[in-house]
Amino acid sequence: NFTDRKHFQKAFIRYNDTQDKHRNNTTWRELLPELELALTDS
């Protein structure tokens, strides 16, 4: 029953990328490479 979630997916990426950069620590992309690939494709 999938509905379009691209808006939220983009928001997820922007929020976490910005926060990760500020923290200068491990990133979600490093921890979850399969999720990163799936979101990029989506």
All heavy atoms as atom14 arrays in JSON, in Angstrom:
{
  "sequence": "NFTDRKHFQKAFIRYNDTQDKHRNNTTWRELLPELELALTDS",
  "atom14_mask": [
    [1, 1, 1, 1, 1, 1, 1, 1, 0, 0, 0, 0, 0, 0],
    [1, 1, 1, 1, 1, 1, 1, 1, 1, 1, 1, 0, 0, 0],
    [1, 1, 1, 1, 1, 1, 1, 0, 0, 0, 0, 0, 0, 0],
    [1, 1, 1, 1, 1, 1, 1, 1, 0, 0, 0, 0, 0, 0],
    [1, 1, 1, 1, 1, 1, 1, 1, 1, 1, 1, 0, 0, 0],
    [1, 1, 1, 1, 1, 1, 1, 1, 1, 0, 0, 0, 0, 0],
    [1, 1, 1, 1, 1, 1, 1, 1, 1, 1, 0, 0, 0, 0],
    [1, 1, 1, 1, 1, 1, 1, 1, 1, 1, 1, 0, 0, 0],
    [1, 1, 1, 1, 1, 1, 1, 1, 1, 0, 0, 0, 0, 0],
    [1, 1, 1, 1, 1, 1, 1, 1, 1, 0, 0, 0, 0, 0],
    [1, 1, 1, 1, 1, 0, 0, 0, 0, 0, 0, 0, 0, 0],
    [1, 1, 1, 1, 1, 1, 1, 1, 1, 1, 1, 0, 0, 0],
    [1, 1, 1, 1, 1, 1, 1, 1, 0, 0, 0, 0, 0, 0],
    [1, 1, 1, 1, 1, 1, 1, 1, 1, 1, 1, 0, 0, 0],
    [1, 1, 1, 1, 1, 1, 1, 1, 1, 1, 1, 1, 0, 0],
    [1, 1, 1, 1, 1, 1, 1, 1, 0, 0, 0, 0, 0, 0],
    [1, 1, 1, 1, 1, 1, 1, 1, 0, 0, 0, 0, 0, 0],
    [1, 1, 1, 1, 1, 1, 1, 0, 0, 0, 0, 0, 0, 0],
    [1, 1, 1, 1, 1, 1, 1, 1, 1, 0, 0, 0, 0, 0],
    [1, 1, 1, 1, 1, 1, 1, 1, 0, 0, 0, 0, 0, 0],
    [1, 1, 1, 1, 1, 1, 1, 1, 1, 0, 0, 0, 0, 0],
    [1, 1, 1, 1, 1, 1, 1, 1, 1, 1, 0, 0, 0, 0],
    [1, 1, 1, 1, 1, 1, 1, 1, 1, 1, 1, 0, 0, 0],
    [1, 1, 1, 1, 1, 1, 1, 1, 0, 0, 0, 0, 0, 0],
    [1, 1, 1, 1, 1, 1, 1, 1, 0, 0, 0, 0, 0, 0],
    [1, 1, 1, 1, 1, 1, 1, 0, 0, 0, 0, 0, 0, 0],
    [1, 1, 1, 1, 1, 1, 1, 0, 0, 0, 0, 0, 0, 0],
    [1, 1, 1, 1, 1, 1, 1, 1, 1, 1, 1, 1, 1, 1],
    [1, 1, 1, 1, 1, 1, 1, 1, 1, 1, 1, 0, 0, 0],
    [1, 1, 1, 1, 1, 1, 1, 1, 1, 0, 0, 0, 0, 0],
    [1, 1, 1, 1, 1, 1, 1, 1, 0, 0, 0, 0, 0, 0],
    [1, 1, 1, 1, 1, 1, 1, 1, 0, 0, 0, 0, 0, 0],
    [1, 1, 1, 1, 1, 1, 1, 0, 0, 0, 0, 0, 0, 0],
    [1, 1, 1, 1, 1, 1, 1, 1, 1, 0, 0, 0, 0, 0],
    [1, 1, 1, 1, 1, 1, 1, 1, 0, 0, 0, 0, 0, 0],
    [1, 1, 1, 1, 1, 1, 1, 1, 1, 0, 0, 0, 0, 0],
    [1, 1, 1, 1, 1, 1, 1, 1, 0, 0, 0, 0, 0, 0],
    [1, 1, 1, 1, 1, 0, 0, 0, 0, 0, 0, 0, 0, 0],
    [1, 1, 1, 1, 1, 1, 1, 1, 0, 0, 0, 0, 0, 0],
    [1, 1, 1, 1, 1, 1, 1, 0, 0, 0, 0, 0, 0, 0],
    [1, 1, 1, 1, 1, 1, 1, 1, 0, 0, 0, 0, 0, 0],
    [1, 1, 1, 1, 1, 1, 0, 0, 0, 0, 0, 0, 0, 0]
  ],
  "atom14_positions": [
    [[0.82, -1.21, 0.0], [0.0, 0.0, 0.0], [0.85, 1.26, 0.0], [0.49, 2.27, 0.58], [-0.93, 0.0, 1.23], [-1.85, -1.19, 1.26], [-2.35, -1.62, 0.24], [-2.07, -1.74, 2.44], [0.0, 0.0, 0.0], [0.0, 0.0, 0.0], [0.0, 0.0, 0.0], [0.0, 0.0, 0.0], [0.0, 0.0, 0.0], [0.0, 0.0, 0.0]],
    [[1.98, 1.18, -0.66], [2.97, 2.24, -0.58], [2.48, 3.56, -1.17], [1.9, 3.59, -2.24], [4.25, 1.82, -1.3], [5.41, 2.76, -1.08], [6.14, 2.7, 0.09], [5.74, 3.72, -2.02], [7.21, 3.56, 0.3], [6.79, 4.58, -1.81], [7.54, 4.5, -0.65], [0.0, 0.0, 0.0], [0.0, 0.0, 0.0], [0.0, 0.0, 0.0]],
    [[2.7, 4.63, -0.43], [2.44, 5.97, -0.93], [3.75, 6.74, -1.01], [4.74, 6.37, -0.37], [1.46, 6.72, -0.01], [1.98, 6.75, 1.33], [0.09, 6.05, -0.01], [0.0, 0.0, 0.0], [0.0, 0.0, 0.0], [0.0, 0.0, 0.0], [0.0, 0.0, 0.0], [0.0, 0.0, 0.0], [0.0, 0.0, 0.0], [0.0, 0.0, 0.0]],
    [[3.76, 7.81, -1.78], [4.98, 8.58, -2.02], [5.49, 9.21, -0.72], [4.78, 9.95, -0.04], [4.72, 9.67, -3.06], [6.0, 10.39, -3.47], [7.1, 9.93, -3.11], [5.9, 11.42, -4.15], [0.0, 0.0, 0.0], [0.0, 0.0, 0.0], [0.0, 0.0, 0.0], [0.0, 0.0, 0.0], [0.0, 0.0, 0.0], [0.0, 0.0, 0.0]],
    [[6.71, 8.93, -0.36], [7.32, 9.47, 0.86], [8.57, 10.31, 0.54], [9.37, 10.56, 1.44], [7.72, 8.32, 1.8], [6.55, 7.5, 2.33], [5.78, 8.3, 3.37], [4.84, 7.46, 4.11], [3.61, 7.24, 3.78], [3.14, 7.8, 2.66], [2.81, 6.46, 4.5], [0.0, 0.0, 0.0], [0.0, 0.0, 0.0], [0.0, 0.0, 0.0]],
    [[8.72, 10.72, -0.72], [9.94, 11.4, -1.12], [10.19, 12.68, -0.34], [11.33, 13.02, -0.02], [9.92, 11.68, -2.63], [10.09, 10.44, -3.48], [10.17, 10.78, -4.96], [10.35, 9.5, -5.79], [10.43, 9.79, -7.25], [0.0, 0.0, 0.0], [0.0, 0.0, 0.0], [0.0, 0.0, 0.0], [0.0, 0.0, 0.0], [0.0, 0.0, 0.0]],
    [[9.13, 13.41, -0.03], [9.29, 14.66, 0.74], [9.93, 14.38, 2.09], [10.87, 15.07, 2.51], [7.94, 15.34, 0.94], [8.0, 16.56, 1.81], [8.47, 17.78, 1.34], [7.71, 16.76, 3.12], [8.44, 18.67, 2.32], [7.98, 18.07, 3.42], [0.0, 0.0, 0.0], [0.0, 0.0, 0.0], [0.0, 0.0, 0.0], [0.0, 0.0, 0.0]],
    [[9.44, 13.35, 2.79], [9.98, 13.01, 4.1], [11.38, 12.41, 3.99], [12.22, 12.63, 4.86], [9.04, 12.03, 4.8], [7.64, 12.53, 4.95], [6.61, 11.92, 4.27], [7.35, 13.62, 5.75], [5.31, 12.38, 4.39], [6.06, 14.09, 5.87], [5.03, 13.47, 5.19], [0.0, 0.0, 0.0], [0.0, 0.0, 0.0], [0.0, 0.0, 0.0]],
    [[11.62, 11.67, 2.93], [12.94, 11.1, 2.72], [13.98, 12.2, 2.52], [15.08, 12.13, 3.07], [12.91, 10.14, 1.53], [12.07, 8.9, 1.76], [11.8, 8.12, 0.48], [12.29, 8.46, -0.6], [11.0, 7.05, 0.59], [0.0, 0.0, 0.0], [0.0, 0.0, 0.0], [0.0, 0.0, 0.0], [0.0, 0.0, 0.0], [0.0, 0.0, 0.0]],
    [[13.64, 13.22, 1.73], [14.54, 14.34, 1.52], [14.78, 15.1, 2.83], [15.89, 15.54, 3.11], [13.97, 15.29, 0.46], [13.97, 14.72, -0.95], [13.31, 15.69, -1.92], [13.31, 15.13, -3.34], [12.61, 16.04, -4.29], [0.0, 0.0, 0.0], [0.0, 0.0, 0.0], [0.0, 0.0, 0.0], [0.0, 0.0, 0.0], [0.0, 0.0, 0.0]],
    [[13.7, 15.22, 3.63], [13.83, 15.89, 4.92], [14.74, 15.11, 5.86], [15.56, 15.69, 6.58], [12.45, 16.08, 5.55], [0.0, 0.0, 0.0], [0.0, 0.0, 0.0], [0.0, 0.0, 0.0], [0.0, 0.0, 0.0], [0.0, 0.0, 0.0], [0.0, 0.0, 0.0], [0.0, 0.0, 0.0], [0.0, 0.0, 0.0], [0.0, 0.0, 0.0]],
    [[14.61, 13.78, 5.85], [15.47, 12.92, 6.66], [16.94, 13.15, 6.31], [17.79, 13.32, 7.19], [15.09, 11.45, 6.42], [16.06, 10.45, 7.04], [15.84, 9.96, 8.31], [17.16, 10.0, 6.34], [16.72, 9.03, 8.87], [18.05, 9.08, 6.9], [17.82, 8.6, 8.17], [0.0, 0.0, 0.0], [0.0, 0.0, 0.0], [0.0, 0.0, 0.0]],
    [[17.24, 13.17, 5.02], [18.62, 13.34, 4.56], [19.16, 14.71, 4.95], [20.26, 14.83, 5.47], [18.71, 13.13, 3.03], [18.42, 11.67, 2.69], [20.08, 13.53, 2.5], [18.29, 11.4, 1.2], [0.0, 0.0, 0.0], [0.0, 0.0, 0.0], [0.0, 0.0, 0.0], [0.0, 0.0, 0.0], [0.0, 0.0, 0.0], [0.0, 0.0, 0.0]],
    [[18.38, 15.75, 4.7], [18.86, 17.1, 4.98], [19.1, 17.29, 6.48], [20.14, 17.84, 6.88], [17.87, 18.15, 4.48], [18.35, 19.58, 4.77], [17.45, 20.64, 4.15], [17.99, 21.98, 4.41], [17.43, 23.11, 4.02], [16.3, 23.07, 3.31], [17.98, 24.29, 4.31], [0.0, 0.0, 0.0], [0.0, 0.0, 0.0], [0.0, 0.0, 0.0]],
    [[18.16, 16.87, 7.29], [18.28, 17.05, 8.74], [19.5, 16.32, 9.29], [20.33, 16.9, 10.0], [17.02, 16.57, 9.44], [17.05, 16.76, 10.95], [16.82, 18.01, 11.51], [17.31, 15.69, 11.8], [16.83, 18.19, 12.89], [17.33, 15.86, 13.17], [17.08, 17.11, 13.71], [17.11, 17.28, 15.08], [0.0, 0.0, 0.0], [0.0, 0.0, 0.0]],
    [[19.62, 15.05, 8.95], [20.7, 14.24, 9.52], [22.07, 14.6, 8.95], [23.07, 14.59, 9.67], [20.4, 12.76, 9.33], [19.29, 12.27, 10.24], [19.41, 12.32, 11.46], [18.2, 11.8, 9.66], [0.0, 0.0, 0.0], [0.0, 0.0, 0.0], [0.0, 0.0, 0.0], [0.0, 0.0, 0.0], [0.0, 0.0, 0.0], [0.0, 0.0, 0.0]],
    [[22.13, 14.92, 7.67], [23.4, 15.34, 7.09], [23.92, 16.61, 7.76], [25.1, 16.74, 8.09], [23.26, 15.59, 5.58], [23.33, 14.32, 4.76], [23.68, 13.26, 5.33], [23.05, 14.38, 3.54], [0.0, 0.0, 0.0], [0.0, 0.0, 0.0], [0.0, 0.0, 0.0], [0.0, 0.0, 0.0], [0.0, 0.0, 0.0], [0.0, 0.0, 0.0]],
    [[23.02, 17.57, 7.96], [23.41, 18.84, 8.58], [23.82, 18.64, 10.03], [24.84, 19.18, 10.49], [22.26, 19.85, 8.5], [21.84, 20.01, 7.15], [22.68, 21.2, 9.06], [0.0, 0.0, 0.0], [0.0, 0.0, 0.0], [0.0, 0.0, 0.0], [0.0, 0.0, 0.0], [0.0, 0.0, 0.0], [0.0, 0.0, 0.0], [0.0, 0.0, 0.0]],
    [[23.04, 17.87, 10.76], [23.35, 17.59, 12.16], [24.64, 16.8, 12.3], [25.48, 17.1, 13.17], [22.19, 16.84, 12.81], [22.22, 16.83, 14.33], [21.0, 16.13, 14.9], [20.75, 14.97, 14.61], [20.24, 16.84, 15.72], [0.0, 0.0, 0.0], [0.0, 0.0, 0.0], [0.0, 0.0, 0.0], [0.0, 0.0, 0.0], [0.0, 0.0, 0.0]],
    [[24.85, 15.8, 11.44], [26.06, 14.99, 11.49], [27.31, 15.84, 11.21], [28.35, 15.66, 11.84], [25.99, 13.86, 10.46], [24.94, 12.81, 10.83], [24.4, 12.86, 11.96], [24.66, 11.93, 9.99], [0.0, 0.0, 0.0], [0.0, 0.0, 0.0], [0.0, 0.0, 0.0], [0.0, 0.0, 0.0], [0.0, 0.0, 0.0], [0.0, 0.0, 0.0]],
    [[27.19, 16.75, 10.27], [28.3, 17.64, 9.95], [28.66, 18.5, 11.15], [29.85, 18.71, 11.45], [27.95, 18.52, 8.75], [29.08, 19.44, 8.3], [28.65, 20.28, 7.11], [29.77, 21.23, 6.68], [29.35, 22.08, 5.52], [0.0, 0.0, 0.0], [0.0, 0.0, 0.0], [0.0, 0.0, 0.0], [0.0, 0.0, 0.0], [0.0, 0.0, 0.0]],
    [[27.66, 18.99, 11.84], [27.89, 19.82, 13.02], [28.56, 19.03, 14.13], [29.47, 19.53, 14.81], [26.56, 20.4, 13.52], [26.67, 21.19, 14.78], [27.16, 22.48, 14.81], [26.37, 20.87, 16.06], [27.15, 22.92, 16.05], [26.66, 21.96, 16.84], [0.0, 0.0, 0.0], [0.0, 0.0, 0.0], [0.0, 0.0, 0.0], [0.0, 0.0, 0.0]],
    [[28.13, 17.79, 14.32], [28.67, 16.95, 15.38], [30.05, 16.41, 15.04], [30.81, 16.02, 15.93], [27.71, 15.81, 15.69], [26.4, 16.26, 16.27], [25.42, 15.12, 16.5], [24.19, 15.58, 17.12], [23.17, 14.81, 17.45], [23.22, 13.52, 17.19], [22.08, 15.33, 18.04], [0.0, 0.0, 0.0], [0.0, 0.0, 0.0], [0.0, 0.0, 0.0]],
    [[30.36, 16.34, 13.75], [31.65, 15.85, 13.31], [31.97, 14.49, 13.91], [33.05, 14.23, 14.43], [32.77, 16.86, 13.65], [34.07, 16.56, 12.91], [34.08, 15.95, 11.83], [35.18, 16.97, 13.51], [0.0, 0.0, 0.0], [0.0, 0.0, 0.0], [0.0, 0.0, 0.0], [0.0, 0.0, 0.0], [0.0, 0.0, 0.0], [0.0, 0.0, 0.0]],
    [[30.99, 13.62, 13.84], [31.11, 12.29, 14.42], [30.68, 11.26, 13.37], [30.57, 11.57, 12.19], [30.24, 12.2, 15.68], [30.64, 11.07, 16.6], [31.81, 10.82, 16.83], [29.67, 10.4, 17.16], [0.0, 0.0, 0.0], [0.0, 0.0, 0.0], [0.0, 0.0, 0.0], [0.0, 0.0, 0.0], [0.0, 0.0, 0.0], [0.0, 0.0, 0.0]],
    [[30.46, 10.04, 13.78], [29.95, 9.02, 12.86], [28.65, 9.49, 12.21], [27.8, 10.09, 12.86], [29.7, 7.71, 13.62], [30.87, 7.3, 14.31], [29.28, 6.61, 12.65], [0.0, 0.0, 0.0], [0.0, 0.0, 0.0], [0.0, 0.0, 0.0], [0.0, 0.0, 0.0], [0.0, 0.0, 0.0], [0.0, 0.0, 0.0], [0.0, 0.0, 0.0]],
    [[28.49, 9.22, 10.92], [27.31, 9.67, 10.2], [26.34, 8.52, 9.95], [26.72, 7.34, 10.0], [27.69, 10.29, 8.85], [28.16, 9.26, 7.96], [28.78, 11.34, 9.02], [0.0, 0.0, 0.0], [0.0, 0.0, 0.0], [0.0, 0.0, 0.0], [0.0, 0.0, 0.0], [0.0, 0.0, 0.0], [0.0, 0.0, 0.0], [0.0, 0.0, 0.0]],
    [[25.09, 8.87, 9.65], [24.1, 7.84, 9.33], [24.48, 7.1, 8.05], [24.19, 5.9, 7.93], [22.71, 8.48, 9.18], [22.5, 9.31, 7.94], [22.78, 10.63, 7.77], [21.97, 8.84, 6.69], [22.47, 11.03, 6.5], [21.95, 9.95, 5.81], [21.51, 7.62, 6.23], [21.5, 9.87, 4.51], [21.05, 7.54, 4.91], [21.05, 8.64, 4.07]],
    [[25.15, 7.79, 7.13], [25.56, 7.15, 5.88], [26.59, 6.06, 6.13], [26.58, 5.01, 5.45], [26.12, 8.2, 4.92], [25.08, 9.23, 4.45], [25.73, 10.32, 3.59], [24.79, 11.36, 3.2], [24.04, 11.34, 2.11], [24.13, 10.32, 1.27], [23.2, 12.32, 1.84], [0.0, 0.0, 0.0], [0.0, 0.0, 0.0], [0.0, 0.0, 0.0]],
    [[27.48, 6.27, 7.09], [28.47, 5.26, 7.44], [27.84, 4.06, 8.13], [28.24, 2.91, 7.9], [29.54, 5.87, 8.34], [30.4, 6.94, 7.66], [31.26, 7.72, 8.63], [30.92, 7.75, 9.84], [32.26, 8.32, 8.19], [0.0, 0.0, 0.0], [0.0, 0.0, 0.0], [0.0, 0.0, 0.0], [0.0, 0.0, 0.0], [0.0, 0.0, 0.0]],
    [[26.86, 4.3, 8.97], [26.23, 3.25, 9.75], [25.19, 2.46, 8.96], [24.98, 1.27, 9.23], [25.57, 3.84, 11.0], [26.49, 4.42, 12.07], [25.68, 5.12, 13.14], [27.35, 3.31, 12.7], [0.0, 0.0, 0.0], [0.0, 0.0, 0.0], [0.0, 0.0, 0.0], [0.0, 0.0, 0.0], [0.0, 0.0, 0.0], [0.0, 0.0, 0.0]],
    [[24.55, 3.12, 8.01], [23.43, 2.51, 7.3], [23.6, 2.66, 5.79], [22.82, 3.34, 5.11], [22.12, 3.16, 7.74], [21.72, 2.9, 9.2], [20.91, 4.05, 9.76], [20.93, 1.61, 9.29], [0.0, 0.0, 0.0], [0.0, 0.0, 0.0], [0.0, 0.0, 0.0], [0.0, 0.0, 0.0], [0.0, 0.0, 0.0], [0.0, 0.0, 0.0]],
    [[24.62, 2.01, 5.21], [24.87, 2.15, 3.78], [23.72, 1.65, 2.91], [23.47, 2.2, 1.84], [26.16, 1.35, 3.55], [26.25, 0.41, 4.73], [25.64, 1.14, 5.86], [0.0, 0.0, 0.0], [0.0, 0.0, 0.0], [0.0, 0.0, 0.0], [0.0, 0.0, 0.0], [0.0, 0.0, 0.0], [0.0, 0.0, 0.0], [0.0, 0.0, 0.0]],
    [[23.01, 0.6, 3.35], [21.89, 0.08, 2.57], [20.73, 1.07, 2.55], [20.06, 1.23, 1.54], [21.43, -1.27, 3.13], [22.42, -2.41, 2.88], [21.86, -3.75, 3.28], [20.79, -3.8, 3.92], [22.48, -4.78, 2.94], [0.0, 0.0, 0.0], [0.0, 0.0, 0.0], [0.0, 0.0, 0.0], [0.0, 0.0, 0.0], [0.0, 0.0, 0.0]],
    [[20.5, 1.74, 3.67], [19.46, 2.77, 3.72], [19.85, 3.95, 2.83], [19.0, 4.49, 2.12], [19.24, 3.23, 5.16], [18.21, 4.36, 5.35], [16.84, 3.96, 4.84], [18.14, 4.78, 6.82], [0.0, 0.0, 0.0], [0.0, 0.0, 0.0], [0.0, 0.0, 0.0], [0.0, 0.0, 0.0], [0.0, 0.0, 0.0], [0.0, 0.0, 0.0]],
    [[21.11, 4.35, 2.87], [21.57, 5.44, 2.03], [21.33, 5.12, 0.56], [20.82, 5.96, -0.19], [23.06, 5.7, 2.26], [23.62, 6.81, 1.37], [25.13, 6.93, 1.42], [25.79, 5.97, 1.86], [25.65, 7.98, 1.0], [0.0, 0.0, 0.0], [0.0, 0.0, 0.0], [0.0, 0.0, 0.0], [0.0, 0.0, 0.0], [0.0, 0.0, 0.0]],
    [[21.68, 3.91, 0.13], [21.5, 3.5, -1.26], [20.02, 3.51, -1.63], [19.64, 4.01, -2.7], [22.09, 2.11, -1.47], [21.97, 1.53, -2.9], [22.71, 2.42, -3.9], [22.54, 0.1, -2.93], [0.0, 0.0, 0.0], [0.0, 0.0, 0.0], [0.0, 0.0, 0.0], [0.0, 0.0, 0.0], [0.0, 0.0, 0.0], [0.0, 0.0, 0.0]],
    [[19.17, 2.99, -0.75], [17.74, 2.93, -1.04], [17.14, 4.33, -1.14], [16.31, 4.59, -2.02], [17.03, 2.12, 0.05], [0.0, 0.0, 0.0], [0.0, 0.0, 0.0], [0.0, 0.0, 0.0], [0.0, 0.0, 0.0], [0.0, 0.0, 0.0], [0.0, 0.0, 0.0], [0.0, 0.0, 0.0], [0.0, 0.0, 0.0], [0.0, 0.0, 0.0]],
    [[17.53, 5.22, -0.26], [17.02, 6.59, -0.3], [17.49, 7.33, -1.54], [16.73, 8.07, -2.17], [17.44, 7.35, 0.96], [16.73, 6.97, 2.26], [17.41, 7.62, 3.46], [15.26, 7.36, 2.22], [0.0, 0.0, 0.0], [0.0, 0.0, 0.0], [0.0, 0.0, 0.0], [0.0, 0.0, 0.0], [0.0, 0.0, 0.0], [0.0, 0.0, 0.0]],
    [[18.75, 7.14, -1.89], [19.31, 7.79, -3.09], [18.55, 7.35, -4.33], [18.21, 8.17, -5.19], [20.8, 7.47, -3.23], [21.51, 7.9, -2.07], [21.38, 8.17, -4.45], [0.0, 0.0, 0.0], [0.0, 0.0, 0.0], [0.0, 0.0, 0.0], [0.0, 0.0, 0.0], [0.0, 0.0, 0.0], [0.0, 0.0, 0.0], [0.0, 0.0, 0.0]],
    [[18.3, 6.04, -4.44], [17.56, 5.52, -5.59], [16.12, 6.04, -5.6], [15.55, 6.33, -6.66], [17.55, 3.99, -5.56], [18.91, 3.39, -5.87], [19.78, 4.12, -6.43], [19.12, 2.2, -5.56], [0.0, 0.0, 0.0], [0.0, 0.0, 0.0], [0.0, 0.0, 0.0], [0.0, 0.0, 0.0], [0.0, 0.0, 0.0], [0.0, 0.0, 0.0]],
    [[15.53, 6.17, -4.42], [14.13, 6.56, -4.32], [13.88, 8.0, -4.76], [12.91, 8.28, -5.45], [13.63, 6.37, -2.88], [12.3, 6.83, -2.72], [0.0, 0.0, 0.0], [0.0, 0.0, 0.0], [0.0, 0.0, 0.0], [0.0, 0.0, 0.0], [0.0, 0.0, 0.0], [0.0, 0.0, 0.0], [0.0, 0.0, 0.0], [0.0, 0.0, 0.0]]
  ]
}
